[in-house]
Amino acid sequence: MEYRKTYVEVLCRTDTDGAVTPLSITWRDGRTFPIDRVDEAIRRASARVGGTGVRYRVSINGRDKYLFFEDPRWFVEEVVPSPAHP
C-alpha cells in the first residue's frame, strides 16, 4: 500500500494553556469530517510520507487515523489507490 502527504484544513480549539485540540478536518473537495475524539498528541515523524511535527491520533467516524501538525500546516497520510490491472 502506498501513501502520500495530503495537506488539509483543520478547525481546532486552543485553550488558555496553549493546548491545541483538532475538531474537524476539511478535505480538498470541501467535505468536512468531525473528529470524534483525540487519543494522543506526541511529537513524531511520519514514517510513511516524511515530515515531523505533532502527531495526533484521532477518531473519525469510529476509525483511528493520524493527523500531523507540521507548523504551520496540517497533513494526513492519504492512501494512494492502486491502479487497476486488466
N, C-alpha and C. Protein backbone atom coordinates (compact mmCIF):
# COMPACT_ATOMS: atom_id res chain seq x y z
N MET A 1 0.84 -1.17 0.00
CA MET A 1 0.00 0.00 0.00
C MET A 1 0.89 1.24 0.00
N GLU A 2 0.55 2.22 -0.83
CA GLU A 2 1.31 3.45 -0.91
C GLU A 2 0.53 4.59 -0.27
N TYR A 3 1.28 5.58 0.20
CA TYR A 3 0.69 6.74 0.85
C TYR A 3 1.29 8.01 0.27
N ARG A 4 0.55 9.11 0.41
CA ARG A 4 1.09 10.42 0.05
C ARG A 4 0.68 11.42 1.13
N LYS A 5 1.51 12.44 1.27
CA LYS A 5 1.23 13.51 2.23
C LYS A 5 0.18 14.42 1.61
N THR A 6 -0.95 14.57 2.29
CA THR A 6 -2.03 15.41 1.82
C THR A 6 -2.33 16.47 2.88
N TYR A 7 -2.15 17.73 2.49
CA TYR A 7 -2.43 18.82 3.42
C TYR A 7 -3.93 19.07 3.48
N VAL A 8 -4.43 19.32 4.69
CA VAL A 8 -5.85 19.50 4.92
C VAL A 8 -6.08 20.74 5.79
N GLU A 9 -7.30 21.26 5.70
CA GLU A 9 -7.72 22.35 6.58
C GLU A 9 -8.23 21.73 7.86
N VAL A 10 -7.83 22.30 9.00
CA VAL A 10 -8.24 21.77 10.30
C VAL A 10 -8.82 22.90 11.15
N LEU A 11 -10.00 22.66 11.69
CA LEU A 11 -10.59 23.56 12.66
C LEU A 11 -10.17 23.05 14.02
N CYS A 12 -9.59 23.92 14.84
CA CYS A 12 -9.12 23.46 16.15
C CYS A 12 -9.43 24.49 17.23
N ARG A 13 -9.33 24.03 18.46
CA ARG A 13 -9.52 24.86 19.64
C ARG A 13 -8.20 24.94 20.38
N THR A 14 -7.83 26.14 20.82
CA THR A 14 -6.64 26.33 21.64
C THR A 14 -7.09 26.83 23.00
N ASP A 15 -6.73 26.09 24.07
CA ASP A 15 -7.16 26.50 25.40
C ASP A 15 -6.21 27.53 25.99
N THR A 16 -6.50 28.00 27.19
CA THR A 16 -5.70 29.06 27.81
C THR A 16 -4.28 28.62 28.14
N ASP A 17 -4.03 27.32 28.21
CA ASP A 17 -2.68 26.80 28.44
C ASP A 17 -1.91 26.59 27.14
N GLY A 18 -2.57 26.81 25.99
CA GLY A 18 -1.92 26.64 24.70
C GLY A 18 -2.10 25.27 24.09
N ALA A 19 -2.84 24.39 24.75
CA ALA A 19 -3.07 23.04 24.20
C ALA A 19 -4.03 23.15 23.01
N VAL A 20 -3.66 22.50 21.91
CA VAL A 20 -4.44 22.53 20.68
C VAL A 20 -5.23 21.23 20.54
N THR A 21 -6.53 21.35 20.28
CA THR A 21 -7.38 20.19 20.07
C THR A 21 -8.05 20.31 18.70
N PRO A 22 -7.69 19.44 17.75
CA PRO A 22 -8.37 19.48 16.45
C PRO A 22 -9.82 19.04 16.59
N LEU A 23 -10.73 19.75 15.90
CA LEU A 23 -12.16 19.47 16.00
C LEU A 23 -12.74 18.87 14.73
N SER A 24 -12.20 19.27 13.56
CA SER A 24 -12.68 18.72 12.29
C SER A 24 -11.61 18.90 11.22
N ILE A 25 -11.72 18.06 10.18
CA ILE A 25 -10.82 18.10 9.02
C ILE A 25 -11.67 18.40 7.79
N THR A 26 -11.21 19.34 6.96
CA THR A 26 -11.88 19.60 5.69
C THR A 26 -10.97 19.11 4.57
N TRP A 27 -11.50 18.18 3.77
CA TRP A 27 -10.77 17.56 2.67
C TRP A 27 -10.71 18.53 1.50
N ARG A 28 -9.83 18.27 0.54
CA ARG A 28 -9.62 19.19 -0.58
C ARG A 28 -10.87 19.39 -1.44
N ASP A 29 -11.80 18.42 -1.41
CA ASP A 29 -13.04 18.57 -2.19
C ASP A 29 -14.14 19.29 -1.41
N GLY A 30 -13.82 19.76 -0.20
CA GLY A 30 -14.76 20.53 0.59
C GLY A 30 -15.53 19.75 1.64
N ARG A 31 -15.43 18.41 1.61
CA ARG A 31 -16.12 17.62 2.63
C ARG A 31 -15.46 17.84 3.99
N THR A 32 -16.27 17.97 5.03
CA THR A 32 -15.76 18.17 6.38
C THR A 32 -16.11 16.95 7.23
N PHE A 33 -15.11 16.49 7.98
CA PHE A 33 -15.27 15.31 8.84
C PHE A 33 -15.02 15.72 10.28
N PRO A 34 -16.04 15.64 11.13
CA PRO A 34 -15.82 15.96 12.54
C PRO A 34 -14.93 14.91 13.20
N ILE A 35 -14.10 15.36 14.11
CA ILE A 35 -13.23 14.45 14.88
C ILE A 35 -13.99 14.06 16.14
N ASP A 36 -14.21 12.75 16.31
CA ASP A 36 -14.97 12.23 17.45
C ASP A 36 -14.20 12.38 18.75
N ARG A 37 -12.90 12.10 18.70
CA ARG A 37 -12.08 12.20 19.91
C ARG A 37 -10.60 12.27 19.50
N VAL A 38 -9.79 12.79 20.42
CA VAL A 38 -8.34 12.83 20.25
C VAL A 38 -7.75 11.97 21.36
N ASP A 39 -7.01 10.92 20.97
CA ASP A 39 -6.45 10.00 21.96
C ASP A 39 -5.06 10.37 22.44
N GLU A 40 -4.27 10.99 21.57
CA GLU A 40 -2.92 11.39 21.98
C GLU A 40 -2.40 12.47 21.05
N ALA A 41 -1.44 13.20 21.57
CA ALA A 41 -0.74 14.22 20.78
C ALA A 41 0.72 14.18 21.22
N ILE A 42 1.59 13.64 20.34
CA ILE A 42 3.00 13.50 20.68
C ILE A 42 3.85 13.91 19.48
N ARG A 43 5.06 14.37 19.76
CA ARG A 43 5.97 14.75 18.69
C ARG A 43 6.50 13.48 18.02
N ARG A 44 6.23 13.38 16.71
CA ARG A 44 6.63 12.19 15.95
C ARG A 44 6.85 12.57 14.49
N ALA A 45 7.55 11.70 13.81
CA ALA A 45 7.72 11.82 12.36
C ALA A 45 6.79 10.83 11.68
N SER A 46 6.40 11.16 10.47
CA SER A 46 5.61 10.23 9.68
C SER A 46 6.57 9.30 8.95
N ALA A 47 6.52 8.02 9.28
CA ALA A 47 7.40 7.04 8.62
C ALA A 47 6.93 6.75 7.20
N ARG A 48 5.65 7.01 6.93
CA ARG A 48 5.10 6.68 5.61
C ARG A 48 5.35 7.75 4.56
N VAL A 49 5.25 9.03 4.94
CA VAL A 49 5.33 10.10 3.93
C VAL A 49 6.36 11.17 4.25
N GLY A 50 7.05 11.05 5.37
CA GLY A 50 8.03 12.05 5.76
C GLY A 50 7.36 13.22 6.45
N GLY A 51 8.17 14.02 7.09
CA GLY A 51 7.66 15.17 7.82
C GLY A 51 7.67 14.91 9.31
N THR A 52 7.91 15.97 10.08
CA THR A 52 7.97 15.87 11.53
C THR A 52 7.10 16.94 12.15
N GLY A 53 6.46 16.59 13.24
CA GLY A 53 5.63 17.55 13.95
C GLY A 53 4.91 16.86 15.07
N VAL A 54 3.75 17.39 15.42
CA VAL A 54 2.93 16.76 16.45
C VAL A 54 1.95 15.82 15.76
N ARG A 55 1.99 14.56 16.18
CA ARG A 55 1.09 13.56 15.60
C ARG A 55 -0.08 13.36 16.56
N TYR A 56 -1.26 13.58 16.03
CA TYR A 56 -2.50 13.38 16.79
C TYR A 56 -3.12 12.07 16.34
N ARG A 57 -3.45 11.21 17.31
CA ARG A 57 -4.23 10.02 16.97
C ARG A 57 -5.68 10.40 17.24
N VAL A 58 -6.45 10.44 16.16
CA VAL A 58 -7.83 10.90 16.26
C VAL A 58 -8.78 9.80 15.79
N SER A 59 -10.04 9.95 16.15
CA SER A 59 -11.08 9.03 15.68
C SER A 59 -12.05 9.84 14.83
N ILE A 60 -12.26 9.36 13.59
CA ILE A 60 -13.20 9.99 12.66
C ILE A 60 -14.15 8.89 12.20
N ASN A 61 -15.43 9.09 12.43
CA ASN A 61 -16.44 8.06 12.09
C ASN A 61 -16.08 6.70 12.70
N GLY A 62 -15.54 6.72 13.91
CA GLY A 62 -15.20 5.49 14.62
C GLY A 62 -13.92 4.81 14.16
N ARG A 63 -13.16 5.44 13.26
CA ARG A 63 -11.91 4.84 12.77
C ARG A 63 -10.72 5.69 13.21
N ASP A 64 -9.69 5.03 13.73
CA ASP A 64 -8.49 5.73 14.18
C ASP A 64 -7.65 6.16 12.99
N LYS A 65 -7.20 7.39 13.02
CA LYS A 65 -6.36 7.98 11.97
C LYS A 65 -5.28 8.82 12.63
N TYR A 66 -4.20 9.08 11.87
CA TYR A 66 -3.17 10.01 12.33
C TYR A 66 -3.32 11.32 11.59
N LEU A 67 -3.23 12.41 12.33
CA LEU A 67 -3.27 13.76 11.81
C LEU A 67 -2.01 14.45 12.33
N PHE A 68 -1.25 15.07 11.43
CA PHE A 68 0.02 15.68 11.80
C PHE A 68 -0.05 17.20 11.70
N PHE A 69 0.51 17.88 12.70
CA PHE A 69 0.67 19.33 12.65
C PHE A 69 2.14 19.60 12.40
N GLU A 70 2.45 20.02 11.18
CA GLU A 70 3.81 20.34 10.75
C GLU A 70 3.80 21.87 10.57
N ASP A 71 4.03 22.57 11.67
CA ASP A 71 3.86 24.02 11.76
C ASP A 71 4.32 24.75 10.51
N PRO A 72 3.47 25.45 9.81
CA PRO A 72 2.13 25.91 10.18
C PRO A 72 1.00 25.12 9.53
N ARG A 73 1.28 23.94 8.94
CA ARG A 73 0.24 23.21 8.19
C ARG A 73 -0.08 21.87 8.83
N TRP A 74 -1.25 21.34 8.47
CA TRP A 74 -1.72 20.04 8.91
C TRP A 74 -1.71 19.09 7.71
N PHE A 75 -1.38 17.82 7.96
CA PHE A 75 -1.47 16.82 6.89
C PHE A 75 -1.90 15.47 7.41
N VAL A 76 -2.38 14.65 6.48
CA VAL A 76 -2.73 13.26 6.77
C VAL A 76 -1.95 12.37 5.80
N GLU A 77 -1.85 11.09 6.13
CA GLU A 77 -1.23 10.10 5.26
C GLU A 77 -2.33 9.49 4.41
N GLU A 78 -2.50 10.00 3.20
CA GLU A 78 -3.57 9.54 2.32
C GLU A 78 -3.15 8.26 1.61
N VAL A 79 -4.04 7.29 1.58
CA VAL A 79 -3.79 6.05 0.86
C VAL A 79 -3.92 6.33 -0.63
N VAL A 80 -2.91 5.92 -1.41
CA VAL A 80 -2.94 6.09 -2.86
C VAL A 80 -3.57 4.84 -3.46
N PRO A 81 -4.66 5.00 -4.19
CA PRO A 81 -5.30 3.82 -4.78
C PRO A 81 -4.38 3.11 -5.76
N SER A 82 -4.42 1.80 -5.75
CA SER A 82 -3.63 1.01 -6.69
C SER A 82 -4.28 1.08 -8.06
N PRO A 83 -3.47 1.21 -9.12
CA PRO A 83 -4.07 1.23 -10.46
C PRO A 83 -4.71 -0.12 -10.79
N ALA A 84 -5.81 -0.07 -11.49
CA ALA A 84 -6.49 -1.31 -11.89
C ALA A 84 -5.67 -2.00 -12.97
N HIS A 85 -5.49 -3.30 -12.82
CA HIS A 85 -4.74 -4.08 -13.81
C HIS A 85 -5.74 -4.86 -14.67
N PRO A 86 -5.58 -4.80 -15.99
CA PRO A 86 -6.51 -5.54 -16.88
C PRO A 86 -6.34 -7.04 -16.77
